[in-house]
C-alpha atoms as a PDB file:
ATOM      1  CA  UNK A   1       0.000   0.000   0.000  1.00  0.00           C
ATOM      2  CA  UNK A   2       1.289   3.466  -0.905  1.00  0.00           C
ATOM      3  CA  UNK A   3       1.743   5.538   2.249  1.00  0.00           C
ATOM      4  CA  UNK A   4       0.037   8.940   2.033  1.00  0.00           C
ATOM      5  CA  UNK A   5       1.607  11.905   3.806  1.00  0.00           C
ATOM      6  CA  UNK A   6      -0.762  14.804   4.462  1.00  0.00           C
ATOM      7  CA  UNK A   7       0.284  18.375   5.247  1.00  0.00           C
ATOM      8  CA  UNK A   8      -1.576  21.665   5.637  1.00  0.00           C
ATOM      9  CA  UNK A   9      -0.379  24.682   3.662  1.00  0.00           C
ATOM     10  CA  UNK A  10       0.215  28.087   5.206  1.00  0.00           C
ATOM     11  CA  UNK A  11      -3.151  29.591   4.246  1.00  0.00           C
ATOM     12  CA  UNK A  12      -4.910  26.740   6.120  1.00  0.00           C
ATOM     13  CA  UNK A  13      -7.462  26.197   3.333  1.00  0.00           C
ATOM     14  CA  UNK A  14      -5.329  23.813   1.251  1.00  0.00           C
ATOM     15  CA  UNK A  15      -3.979  20.397   2.199  1.00  0.00           C
ATOM     16  CA  UNK A  16      -1.400  18.456   0.171  1.00  0.00           C
ATOM     17  CA  UNK A  17      -1.216  14.675   0.167  1.00  0.00           C
ATOM     18  CA  UNK A  18       2.016  13.119  -1.151  1.00  0.00           C
ATOM     19  CA  UNK A  19       2.377   9.453  -2.066  1.00  0.00           C
ATOM     20  CA  UNK A  20       4.696   7.113  -3.989  1.00  0.00           C
ATOM     21  CA  UNK A  21       2.230   5.758  -6.538  1.00  0.00           C
ATOM     22  CA  UNK A  22       2.427   7.656  -9.859  1.00  0.00           C
ATOM     23  CA  UNK A  23      -0.915   8.921 -11.126  1.00  0.00           C
ATOM     24  CA  UNK A  24       0.315   9.222 -14.697  1.00  0.00           C
ATOM     25  CA  UNK A  25      -0.313  12.944 -15.217  1.00  0.00           C
ATOM     26  CA  UNK A  26       2.506  14.828 -16.949  1.00  0.00           C
ATOM     27  CA  UNK A  27       1.454  18.258 -15.677  1.00  0.00           C
ATOM     28  CA  UNK A  28      -0.738  19.441 -12.781  1.00  0.00           C
ATOM     29  CA  UNK A  29      -4.465  19.121 -13.486  1.00  0.00           C
ATOM     30  CA  UNK A  30      -7.050  21.245 -11.692  1.00  0.00           C
ATOM     31  CA  UNK A  31     -10.668  20.171 -11.224  1.00  0.00           C
ATOM     32  CA  UNK A  32     -13.369  22.523  -9.896  1.00  0.00           C
ATOM     33  CA  UNK A  33     -16.191  19.971  -9.646  1.00  0.00           C
ATOM     34  CA  UNK A  34     -16.950  16.269 -10.004  1.00  0.00           C
ATOM     35  CA  UNK A  35     -17.849  16.617 -13.692  1.00  0.00           C
ATOM     36  CA  UNK A  36     -14.496  18.180 -14.570  1.00  0.00           C
ATOM     37  CA  UNK A  37     -12.810  15.380 -12.616  1.00  0.00           C
ATOM     38  CA  UNK A  38     -14.106  12.588 -14.897  1.00  0.00           C
ATOM     39  CA  UNK A  39     -10.583  11.741 -16.170  1.00  0.00           C
ATOM     40  CA  UNK A  40      -9.462  11.109 -12.569  1.00  0.00           C
ATOM     41  CA  UNK A  41     -11.398   8.625 -10.434  1.00  0.00           C
ATOM     42  CA  UNK A  42      -9.200   9.659  -7.496  1.00  0.00           C
ATOM     43  CA  UNK A  43     -10.147  13.323  -7.848  1.00  0.00           C
ATOM     44  CA  UNK A  44     -13.806  12.367  -8.296  1.00  0.00           C
ATOM     45  CA  UNK A  45     -13.692  10.376  -5.068  1.00  0.00           C
ATOM     46  CA  UNK A  46     -12.462  13.501  -3.247  1.00  0.00           C
ATOM     47  CA  UNK A  47     -15.487  15.484  -4.446  1.00  0.00           C
ATOM     48  CA  UNK A  48     -17.774  13.083  -2.594  1.00  0.00           C
ATOM     49  CA  UNK A  49     -16.410  14.669   0.590  1.00  0.00           C
ATOM     50  CA  UNK A  50     -18.807  17.579   1.342  1.00  0.00           C
ATOM     51  CA  UNK A  51     -16.066  20.060   2.252  1.00  0.00           C
ATOM     52  CA  UNK A  52     -14.006  19.731  -0.960  1.00  0.00           C
ATOM     53  CA  UNK A  53     -14.113  22.836  -3.171  1.00  0.00           C
ATOM     54  CA  UNK A  54     -11.503  21.987  -5.820  1.00  0.00           C
ATOM     55  CA  UNK A  55      -8.635  19.584  -6.478  1.00  0.00           C
ATOM     56  CA  UNK A  56      -5.220  19.671  -8.183  1.00  0.00           C
ATOM     57  CA  UNK A  57      -3.752  16.329  -9.231  1.00  0.00           C
ATOM     58  CA  UNK A  58       0.021  15.848  -9.589  1.00  0.00           C
ATOM     59  CA  UNK A  59       2.006  12.777 -10.610  1.00  0.00           C
ATOM     60  CA  UNK A  60       2.617  11.750  -6.978  1.00  0.00           C
ATOM     61  CA  UNK A  61       0.442  14.140  -4.990  1.00  0.00           C
ATOM     62  CA  UNK A  62      -2.981  15.703  -4.734  1.00  0.00           C
ATOM     63  CA  UNK A  63      -3.914  19.109  -3.309  1.00  0.00           C
ATOM     64  CA  UNK A  64      -7.376  19.909  -2.018  1.00  0.00           C
ATOM     65  CA  UNK A  65      -8.968  23.292  -1.358  1.00  0.00           C
ATOM     66  CA  UNK A  66     -11.748  23.088   1.241  1.00  0.00           C
ATOM     67  CA  UNK A  67     -14.834  25.139   1.969  1.00  0.00           C
ATOM     68  CA  UNK A  68     -14.800  27.021   5.281  1.00  0.00           C
ATOM     69  CA  UNK A  69     -17.083  24.562   7.066  1.00  0.00           C
ATOM     70  CA  UNK A  70     -14.368  22.755   9.040  1.00  0.00           C
ATOM     71  CA  UNK A  71     -10.636  22.784   9.765  1.00  0.00           C
ATOM     72  CA  UNK A  72      -8.107  20.526   8.043  1.00  0.00           C
ATOM     73  CA  UNK A  73      -6.774  19.408  11.423  1.00  0.00           C
ATOM     74  CA  UNK A  74     -10.107  17.636  12.009  1.00  0.00           C
ATOM     75  CA  UNK A  75     -10.085  15.542   8.820  1.00  0.00           C
ATOM     76  CA  UNK A  76      -6.497  15.355   7.532  1.00  0.00           C
ATOM     77  CA  UNK A  77      -5.821  11.787   8.650  1.00  0.00           C
ATOM     78  CA  UNK A  78      -9.228  10.540   7.422  1.00  0.00           C
ATOM     79  CA  UNK A  79      -8.670  12.012   3.951  1.00  0.00           C
ATOM     80  CA  UNK A  80      -5.172  10.531   3.822  1.00  0.00           C
ATOM     81  CA  UNK A  81      -6.686   7.135   4.668  1.00  0.00           C
ATOM     82  CA  UNK A  82      -9.301   7.538   1.893  1.00  0.00           C
ATOM     83  CA  UNK A  83      -6.523   8.227  -0.606  1.00  0.00           C
ATOM     84  CA  UNK A  84      -4.458   5.275   0.633  1.00  0.00           C
ATOM     85  CA  UNK A  85      -7.459   2.969   0.251  1.00  0.00           C
ATOM     86  CA  UNK A  86      -8.052   4.160  -3.297  1.00  0.00           C
ATOM     87  CA  UNK A  87      -4.400   3.791  -4.302  1.00  0.00           C
ATOM     88  CA  UNK A  88      -4.370   0.214  -2.999  1.00  0.00           C
ATOM     89  CA  UNK A  89      -7.286  -0.686  -5.280  1.00  0.00           C
ATOM     90  CA  UNK A  90      -6.964  -1.761  -8.890  1.00  0.00           C
ATOM     91  CA  UNK A  91      -8.535   1.444 -10.223  1.00  0.00           C
ATOM     92  CA  UNK A  92      -6.222   3.901 -11.989  1.00  0.00           C
ATOM     93  CA  UNK A  93      -5.959   7.360 -10.347  1.00  0.00           C
ATOM     94  CA  UNK A  94      -6.025   9.016 -13.773  1.00  0.00           C
ATOM     95  CA  UNK A  95      -7.252   7.894 -17.176  1.00  0.00           C
ATOM     96  CA  UNK A  96      -5.821  10.043 -19.958  1.00  0.00           C
ATOM     97  CA  UNK A  97      -8.617  11.193 -22.272  1.00  0.00           C
ATOM     98  CA  UNK A  98      -8.405  10.321 -25.931  1.00  0.00           C
ATOM     99  CA  UNK A  99      -6.595  12.912 -27.995  1.00  0.00           C
ATOM    100  CA  UNK A 100      -9.081  15.087 -29.817  1.00  0.00           C
ATOM    101  CA  UNK A 101      -8.622  17.695 -32.469  1.00  0.00           C
ATOM    102  CA  UNK A 102      -7.537  21.055 -31.108  1.00  0.00           C
ATOM    103  CA  UNK A 103     -10.208  23.699 -30.869  1.00  0.00           C
ATOM    104  CA  UNK A 104      -8.876  26.826 -32.575  1.00  0.00           C
ATOM    105  CA  UNK A 105      -8.018  29.583 -30.138  1.00  0.00           C
ATOM    106  CA  UNK A 106      -8.188  33.233 -31.059  1.00  0.00           C
ATOM    107  CA  UNK A 107      -6.560  36.065 -29.137  1.00  0.00           C
ATOM    108  CA  UNK A 108      -6.962  39.716 -29.988  1.00  0.00           C
ATOM    109  CA  UNK A 109      -5.199  42.740 -28.530  1.00  0.00           C
ATOM    110  CA  UNK A 110      -7.137  45.709 -27.201  1.00  0.00           C
ATOM    111  CA  UNK A 111      -5.674  49.016 -26.062  1.00  0.00           C
ATOM    112  CA  UNK A 112      -6.619  50.410 -22.647  1.00  0.00           C
ATOM    113  CA  UNK A 113      -6.781  53.930 -21.185  1.00  0.00           C
ATOM    114  CA  UNK A 114      -3.383  53.167 -19.667  1.00  0.00           C
ATOM    115  CA  UNK A 115      -0.793  53.469 -22.489  1.00  0.00           C
ATOM    116  CA  UNK A 116       1.534  51.109 -20.640  1.00  0.00           C
ATOM    117  CA  UNK A 117      -1.033  48.299 -20.552  1.00  0.00           C
ATOM    118  CA  UNK A 118      -2.383  46.113 -23.365  1.00  0.00           C
ATOM    119  CA  UNK A 119      -5.361  43.796 -22.934  1.00  0.00           C
ATOM    120  CA  UNK A 120      -5.279  40.384 -24.668  1.00  0.00           C
ATOM    121  CA  UNK A 121      -8.692  38.721 -24.975  1.00  0.00           C
ATOM    122  CA  UNK A 122      -9.150  34.984 -25.684  1.00  0.00           C
ATOM    123  CA  UNK A 123     -12.213  33.176 -27.002  1.00  0.00           C
ATOM    124  CA  UNK A 124     -12.200  30.768 -24.045  1.00  0.00           C
ATOM    125  CA  UNK A 125     -12.078  31.016 -20.232  1.00  0.00           C
ATOM    126  CA  UNK A 126      -8.582  31.322 -18.761  1.00  0.00           C
ATOM    127  CA  UNK A 127      -9.033  31.646 -14.980  1.00  0.00           C
ATOM    128  CA  UNK A 128     -12.023  31.418 -12.663  1.00  0.00           C
ATOM    129  CA  UNK A 129     -10.896  34.226 -10.376  1.00  0.00           C
ATOM    130  CA  UNK A 130      -8.763  37.338 -10.704  1.00  0.00           C
ATOM    131  CA  UNK A 131      -5.009  36.788 -10.438  1.00  0.00           C
ATOM    132  CA  UNK A 132      -2.391  39.567 -10.253  1.00  0.00           C
ATOM    133  CA  UNK A 133       1.387  39.161 -10.510  1.00  0.00           C
ATOM    134  CA  UNK A 134       3.702  42.080  -9.749  1.00  0.00           C
ATOM    135  CA  UNK A 135       6.913  40.219 -10.587  1.00  0.00           C
ATOM    136  CA  UNK A 136       8.215  36.778 -11.514  1.00  0.00           C
ATOM    137  CA  UNK A 137       8.665  35.853  -7.827  1.00  0.00           C
ATOM    138  CA  UNK A 138       4.853  35.727  -7.530  1.00  0.00           C
ATOM    139  CA  UNK A 139       4.484  33.175 -10.333  1.00  0.00           C
ATOM    140  CA  UNK A 140       5.799  29.913  -8.891  1.00  0.00           C
ATOM    141  CA  UNK A 141       2.331  28.386  -9.306  1.00  0.00           C
ATOM    142  CA  UNK A 142       1.308  30.289 -12.436  1.00  0.00           C
ATOM    143  CA  UNK A 143       3.161  28.902 -15.491  1.00  0.00           C
ATOM    144  CA  UNK A 144       1.673  31.285 -18.063  1.00  0.00           C
ATOM    145  CA  UNK A 145       2.445  34.403 -16.018  1.00  0.00           C
ATOM    146  CA  UNK A 146       5.942  33.061 -15.375  1.00  0.00           C
ATOM    147  CA  UNK A 147       6.492  32.562 -19.105  1.00  0.00           C
ATOM    148  CA  UNK A 148       5.300  36.103 -19.843  1.00  0.00           C
ATOM    149  CA  UNK A 149       7.832  37.569 -17.401  1.00  0.00           C
ATOM    150  CA  UNK A 150      10.588  36.102 -19.551  1.00  0.00           C
ATOM    151  CA  UNK A 151       9.785  38.786 -22.095  1.00  0.00           C
ATOM    152  CA  UNK A 152      12.176  41.583 -20.998  1.00  0.00           C
ATOM    153  CA  UNK A 153       9.545  44.290 -21.401  1.00  0.00           C
ATOM    154  CA  UNK A 154       6.869  42.671 -19.172  1.00  0.00           C
ATOM    155  CA  UNK A 155       6.477  44.489 -15.870  1.00  0.00           C
ATOM    156  CA  UNK A 156       3.184  43.112 -14.438  1.00  0.00           C
ATOM    157  CA  UNK A 157       0.527  40.554 -15.401  1.00  0.00           C
ATOM    158  CA  UNK A 158      -3.182  40.663 -14.525  1.00  0.00           C
ATOM    159  CA  UNK A 159      -5.662  37.855 -15.381  1.00  0.00           C
ATOM    160  CA  UNK A 160      -9.450  37.877 -15.269  1.00  0.00           C
ATOM    161  CA  UNK A 161     -11.854  35.358 -16.821  1.00  0.00           C
ATOM    162  CA  UNK A 162     -11.004  35.400 -20.545  1.00  0.00           C
ATOM    163  CA  UNK A 163      -8.366  38.122 -20.767  1.00  0.00           C
ATOM    164  CA  UNK A 164      -4.858  39.056 -19.663  1.00  0.00           C
ATOM    165  CA  UNK A 165      -3.700  42.636 -19.124  1.00  0.00           C
ATOM    166  CA  UNK A 166       0.055  43.120 -19.431  1.00  0.00           C
ATOM    167  CA  UNK A 167       1.907  46.155 -18.110  1.00  0.00           C
ATOM    168  CA  UNK A 168       5.190  46.879 -19.905  1.00  0.00           C
ATOM    169  CA  UNK A 169       8.356  48.738 -19.046  1.00  0.00           C
ATOM    170  CA  UNK A 170       9.159  51.832 -21.099  1.00  0.00           C
ATOM    171  CA  UNK A 171      12.015  50.079 -22.909  1.00  0.00           C
ATOM    172  CA  UNK A 172       9.778  49.317 -25.886  1.00  0.00           C
ATOM    173  CA  UNK A 173       6.529  50.373 -27.547  1.00  0.00           C
ATOM    174  CA  UNK A 174       3.501  48.117 -27.814  1.00  0.00           C
ATOM    175  CA  UNK A 175       3.520  48.470 -31.598  1.00  0.00           C
ATOM    176  CA  UNK A 176       6.862  46.637 -31.671  1.00  0.00           C
ATOM    177  CA  UNK A 177       5.833  43.610 -29.579  1.00  0.00           C
ATOM    178  CA  UNK A 178       2.034  43.266 -29.561  1.00  0.00           C
ATOM    179  CA  UNK A 179       1.925  40.726 -32.418  1.00  0.00           C
ATOM    180  CA  UNK A 180       4.636  38.612 -30.771  1.00  0.00           C
ATOM    181  CA  UNK A 181       2.805  38.513 -27.436  1.00  0.00           C
ATOM    182  CA  UNK A 182      -0.551  37.808 -29.070  1.00  0.00           C
ATOM    183  CA  UNK A 183       0.825  34.842 -31.023  1.00  0.00           C
ATOM    184  CA  UNK A 184       2.647  33.532 -27.942  1.00  0.00           C
ATOM    185  CA  UNK A 185      -0.584  33.598 -25.918  1.00  0.00           C
ATOM    186  CA  UNK A 186      -2.623  32.006 -28.715  1.00  0.00           C
ATOM    187  CA  UNK A 187      -0.144  29.149 -29.123  1.00  0.00           C
ATOM    188  CA  UNK A 188       0.234  28.613 -25.359  1.00  0.00           C
ATOM    189  CA  UNK A 189      -3.525  28.418 -24.785  1.00  0.00           C
ATOM    190  CA  UNK A 190      -4.171  26.254 -27.849  1.00  0.00           C
ATOM    191  CA  UNK A 191      -1.545  23.744 -26.686  1.00  0.00           C
ATOM    192  CA  UNK A 192      -3.533  23.281 -23.471  1.00  0.00           C
ATOM    193  CA  UNK A 193      -0.657  24.230 -21.181  1.00  0.00           C
ATOM    194  CA  UNK A 194      -1.384  24.993 -17.532  1.00  0.00           C
ATOM    195  CA  UNK A 195      -2.292  28.603 -16.727  1.00  0.00           C
ATOM    196  CA  UNK A 196      -2.667  28.320 -12.947  1.00  0.00           C
ATOM    197  CA  UNK A 197      -1.333  25.169 -11.246  1.00  0.00           C
ATOM    198  CA  UNK A 198      -2.165  25.581  -7.590  1.00  0.00           C
ATOM    199  CA  UNK A 199      -5.402  26.579  -5.994  1.00  0.00           C
ATOM    200  CA  UNK A 200      -4.461  29.877  -4.448  1.00  0.00           C
ATOM    201  CA  UNK A 201      -6.464  32.600  -2.818  1.00  0.00           C
ATOM    202  CA  UNK A 202      -6.144  35.701  -4.965  1.00  0.00           C
ATOM    203  CA  UNK A 203      -6.320  39.262  -3.706  1.00  0.00           C
ATOM    204  CA  UNK A 204      -9.802  39.471  -5.189  1.00  0.00           C
ATOM    205  CA  UNK A 205     -11.005  36.344  -3.355  1.00  0.00           C
ATOM    206  CA  UNK A 206      -9.497  37.539  -0.073  1.00  0.00           C
ATOM    207  CA  UNK A 207     -11.232  40.874  -0.604  1.00  0.00           C
ATOM    208  CA  UNK A 208     -14.518  39.063  -1.299  1.00  0.00           C
ATOM    209  CA  UNK A 209     -14.309  37.217   2.024  1.00  0.00           C
ATOM    210  CA  UNK A 210     -13.557  40.483   3.791  1.00  0.00           C
ATOM    211  CA  UNK A 211     -16.505  42.185   2.094  1.00  0.00           C
ATOM    212  CA  UNK A 212     -18.953  39.462   3.084  1.00  0.00           C
ATOM    213  CA  UNK A 213     -18.374  40.414   6.725  1.00  0.00           C
ATOM    214  CA  UNK A 214     -19.087  44.124   6.151  1.00  0.00           C
ATOM    215  CA  UNK A 215     -22.240  45.938   7.096  1.00  0.00           C
ATOM    216  CA  UNK A 216     -23.716  49.449   7.087  1.00  0.00           C
ATOM    217  CA  UNK A 217     -22.178  52.094   4.839  1.00  0.00           C
ATOM    218  CA  UNK A 218     -19.138  49.957   3.982  1.00  0.00           C
ATOM    219  CA  UNK A 219     -21.449  47.232   2.638  1.00  0.00           C
ATOM    220  CA  UNK A 220     -23.384  49.824   0.604  1.00  0.00           C
ATOM    221  CA  UNK A 221     -20.117  51.087  -0.914  1.00  0.00           C
ATOM    222  CA  UNK A 222     -19.084  47.540  -1.858  1.00  0.00           C
ATOM    223  CA  UNK A 223     -22.462  46.916  -3.530  1.00  0.00           C
ATOM    224  CA  UNK A 224     -22.138  50.100  -5.616  1.00  0.00           C
ATOM    225  CA  UNK A 225     -18.574  49.242  -6.656  1.00  0.00           C
ATOM    226  CA  UNK A 226     -19.576  45.711  -7.689  1.00  0.00           C
ATOM    227  CA  UNK A 227     -22.725  46.726  -9.574  1.00  0.00           C
ATOM    228  CA  UNK A 228     -21.711  49.964 -11.270  1.00  0.00           C
ATOM    229  CA  UNK A 229     -17.935  50.340 -11.256  1.00  0.00           C
ATOM    230  CA  UNK A 230     -16.264  46.941 -11.642  1.00  0.00           C
ATOM    231  CA  UNK A 231     -18.036  46.044 -14.929  1.00  0.00           C
ATOM    232  CA  UNK A 232     -16.915  49.352 -16.459  1.00  0.00           C
ATOM    233  CA  UNK A 233     -13.255  49.064 -15.471  1.00  0.00           C
ATOM    234  CA  UNK A 234     -13.151  45.356 -16.447  1.00  0.00           C
ATOM    235  CA  UNK A 235     -13.888  46.391 -20.034  1.00  0.00           C
ATOM    236  CA  UNK A 236     -10.705  48.485 -19.865  1.00  0.00           C
ATOM    237  CA  UNK A 237      -8.615  45.572 -18.571  1.00  0.00           C
ATOM    238  CA  UNK A 238      -8.568  46.476 -14.887  1.00  0.00           C
ATOM    239  CA  UNK A 239     -10.303  46.021 -11.570  1.00  0.00           C
ATOM    240  CA  UNK A 240     -11.185  48.056  -8.478  1.00  0.00           C
ATOM    241  CA  UNK A 241     -11.499  46.473  -5.027  1.00  0.00           C
ATOM    242  CA  UNK A 242     -12.871  48.001  -1.840  1.00  0.00           C
ATOM    243  CA  UNK A 243     -10.166  48.387   0.810  1.00  0.00           C
ATOM    244  CA  UNK A 244     -11.615  50.374   3.721  1.00  0.00           C
ATOM    245  CA  UNK A 245     -14.085  53.040   4.882  1.00  0.00           C
ATOM    246  CA  UNK A 246     -13.453  55.591   7.637  1.00  0.00           C
ATOM    247  CA  UNK A 247     -16.814  56.653   9.038  1.00  0.00           C
ATOM    248  CA  UNK A 248     -15.376  59.650  10.911  1.00  0.00           C
ATOM    249  CA  UNK A 249     -13.485  61.051   7.936  1.00  0.00           C
ATOM    250  CA  UNK A 250     -16.111  59.784   5.452  1.00  0.00           C
ATOM    251  CA  UNK A 251     -13.200  58.556   3.354  1.00  0.00           C
ATOM    252  CA  UNK A 252     -13.024  55.490   1.102  1.00  0.00           C
ATOM    253  CA  UNK A 253      -9.898  53.643  -0.008  1.00  0.00           C
ATOM    254  CA  UNK A 254      -9.911  51.350  -3.039  1.00  0.00           C
ATOM    255  CA  UNK A 255      -7.279  49.098  -4.637  1.00  0.00           C
ATOM    256  CA  UNK A 256      -6.498  49.535  -8.343  1.00  0.00           C
ATOM    257  CA  UNK A 257      -5.466  46.447 -10.325  1.00  0.00           C
ATOM    258  CA  UNK A 258      -4.497  45.641 -13.894  1.00  0.00           C
ATOM    259  CA  UNK A 259      -4.798  48.520 -16.346  1.00  0.00           C
ATOM    260  CA  UNK A 260      -6.182  50.741 -13.576  1.00  0.00           C
ATOM    261  CA  UNK A 261      -2.968  50.533 -11.560  1.00  0.00           C
ATOM    262  CA  UNK A 262      -0.678  53.402 -12.460  1.00  0.00           C
ATOM    263  CA  UNK A 263      -3.013  54.651 -15.185  1.00  0.00           C
ATOM    264  CA  UNK A 264      -2.591  58.401 -15.890  1.00  0.00           C
ATOM    265  CA  UNK A 265      -6.364  58.814 -16.019  1.00  0.00           C
ATOM    266  CA  UNK A 266      -7.043  56.911 -12.784  1.00  0.00           C
ATOM    267  CA  UNK A 267      -7.126  60.105 -10.682  1.00  0.00           C
ATOM    268  CA  UNK A 268      -9.736  61.582 -13.005  1.00  0.00           C
ATOM    269  CA  UNK A 269     -11.708  58.341 -12.899  1.00  0.00           C
ATOM    270  CA  UNK A 270     -11.621  58.340  -9.106  1.00  0.00           C
ATOM    271  CA  UNK A 271     -12.658  61.958  -8.690  1.00  0.00           C
ATOM    272  CA  UNK A 272     -15.111  62.496 -11.516  1.00  0.00           C
ATOM    273  CA  UNK A 273     -16.430  58.955 -11.588  1.00  0.00           C
ATOM    274  CA  UNK A 274     -16.267  56.881  -8.438  1.00  0.00           C
ATOM    275  CA  UNK A 275     -16.159  59.691  -5.875  1.00  0.00           C
ATOM    276  CA  UNK A 276     -19.049  61.592  -7.488  1.00  0.00           C
ATOM    277  CA  UNK A 277     -21.106  58.426  -7.818  1.00  0.00           C
ATOM    278  CA  UNK A 278     -20.647  57.475  -4.168  1.00  0.00           C
ATOM    279  CA  UNK A 279     -21.421  61.027  -3.029  1.00  0.00           C
ATOM    280  CA  UNK A 280     -24.604  61.041  -5.095  1.00  0.00           C
ATOM    281  CA  UNK A 281     -25.787  57.573  -4.095  1.00  0.00           C
ATOM    282  CA  UNK A 282     -24.730  57.867  -0.432  1.00  0.00           C
ATOM    283  CA  UNK A 283     -25.362  61.548   0.411  1.00  0.00           C
ATOM    284  CA  UNK A 284     -23.525  62.767   3.493  1.00  0.00           C
ATOM    285  CA  UNK A 285     -21.641  59.478   3.930  1.00  0.00           C
ATOM    286  CA  UNK A 286     -18.709  59.864   1.499  1.00  0.00           C
ATOM    287  CA  UNK A 287     -16.386  62.866   1.218  1.00  0.00           C
ATOM    288  CA  UNK A 288     -13.291  61.509  -0.546  1.00  0.00           C
ATOM    289  CA  UNK A 289     -12.059  58.448  -2.418  1.00  0.00           C
ATOM    290  CA  UNK A 290      -8.351  57.598  -2.638  1.00  0.00           C
ATOM    291  CA  UNK A 291      -6.574  54.742  -4.353  1.00  0.00           C
ATOM    292  CA  UNK A 292      -3.902  52.179  -3.585  1.00  0.00           C
ATOM    293  CA  UNK A 293      -2.170  50.638  -6.595  1.00  0.00           C
ATOM    294  CA  UNK A 294      -2.588  46.878  -6.288  1.00  0.00           C
END
């Protein structure tokens, strides 16, 4: 029987289970539900546990992200035993799907209000939650972002749903490199290479958890940002997150991400757009809005 060694990662929501039996996967595979996990009977078995949110399968390991309904300390040994039992059976942990014809991928480039940022839009989903990378040190578990940082002009990478916003250094102009980056992204996605390996809590997801606990004026501000402001800035390749609200000063702080971060027009957007909207919709509750670059 293959011995399974379970460990809890630093953020406490992910547990990793290492074992000696190869699963047969040649790159990490992420599954968000039991349907996606059809190629892996082992991953499917994990989804029968009511606290499992998503799974990443490696050649000799599996990582599991849990819902916040219990602590890993309470179930770690039981899950390890479940995995050991499965690995001792005759069933294969992973059954490689039959090779099918590639579905053509298209990627087009779209300028943003920030001249240093270009938005690259794909015709298929890329990530299921916002991911932001300020430098290559942040990309250990994000192969596509890591590959992009090998272009000498790439300064930051921002991913959301079906697009990637790339911030460049001033050493080159977008006109000189946009076709190269677009073709690189198209080829990378079409080849089915991993975009995000590990299940990791993004800044956006952490902010969402924080927002769910808010109430009063802060909650009203979050609702306005989500309904009226985020859809508009997403079309420009960026994102705005609520950071904090000072009731005494009537001041709001937001976090700018993607094309919004460092954009020359962001101050105008804050003052003439977001600040005015919040003042109008929450009279007497908001005096100023200031930004933190994400």
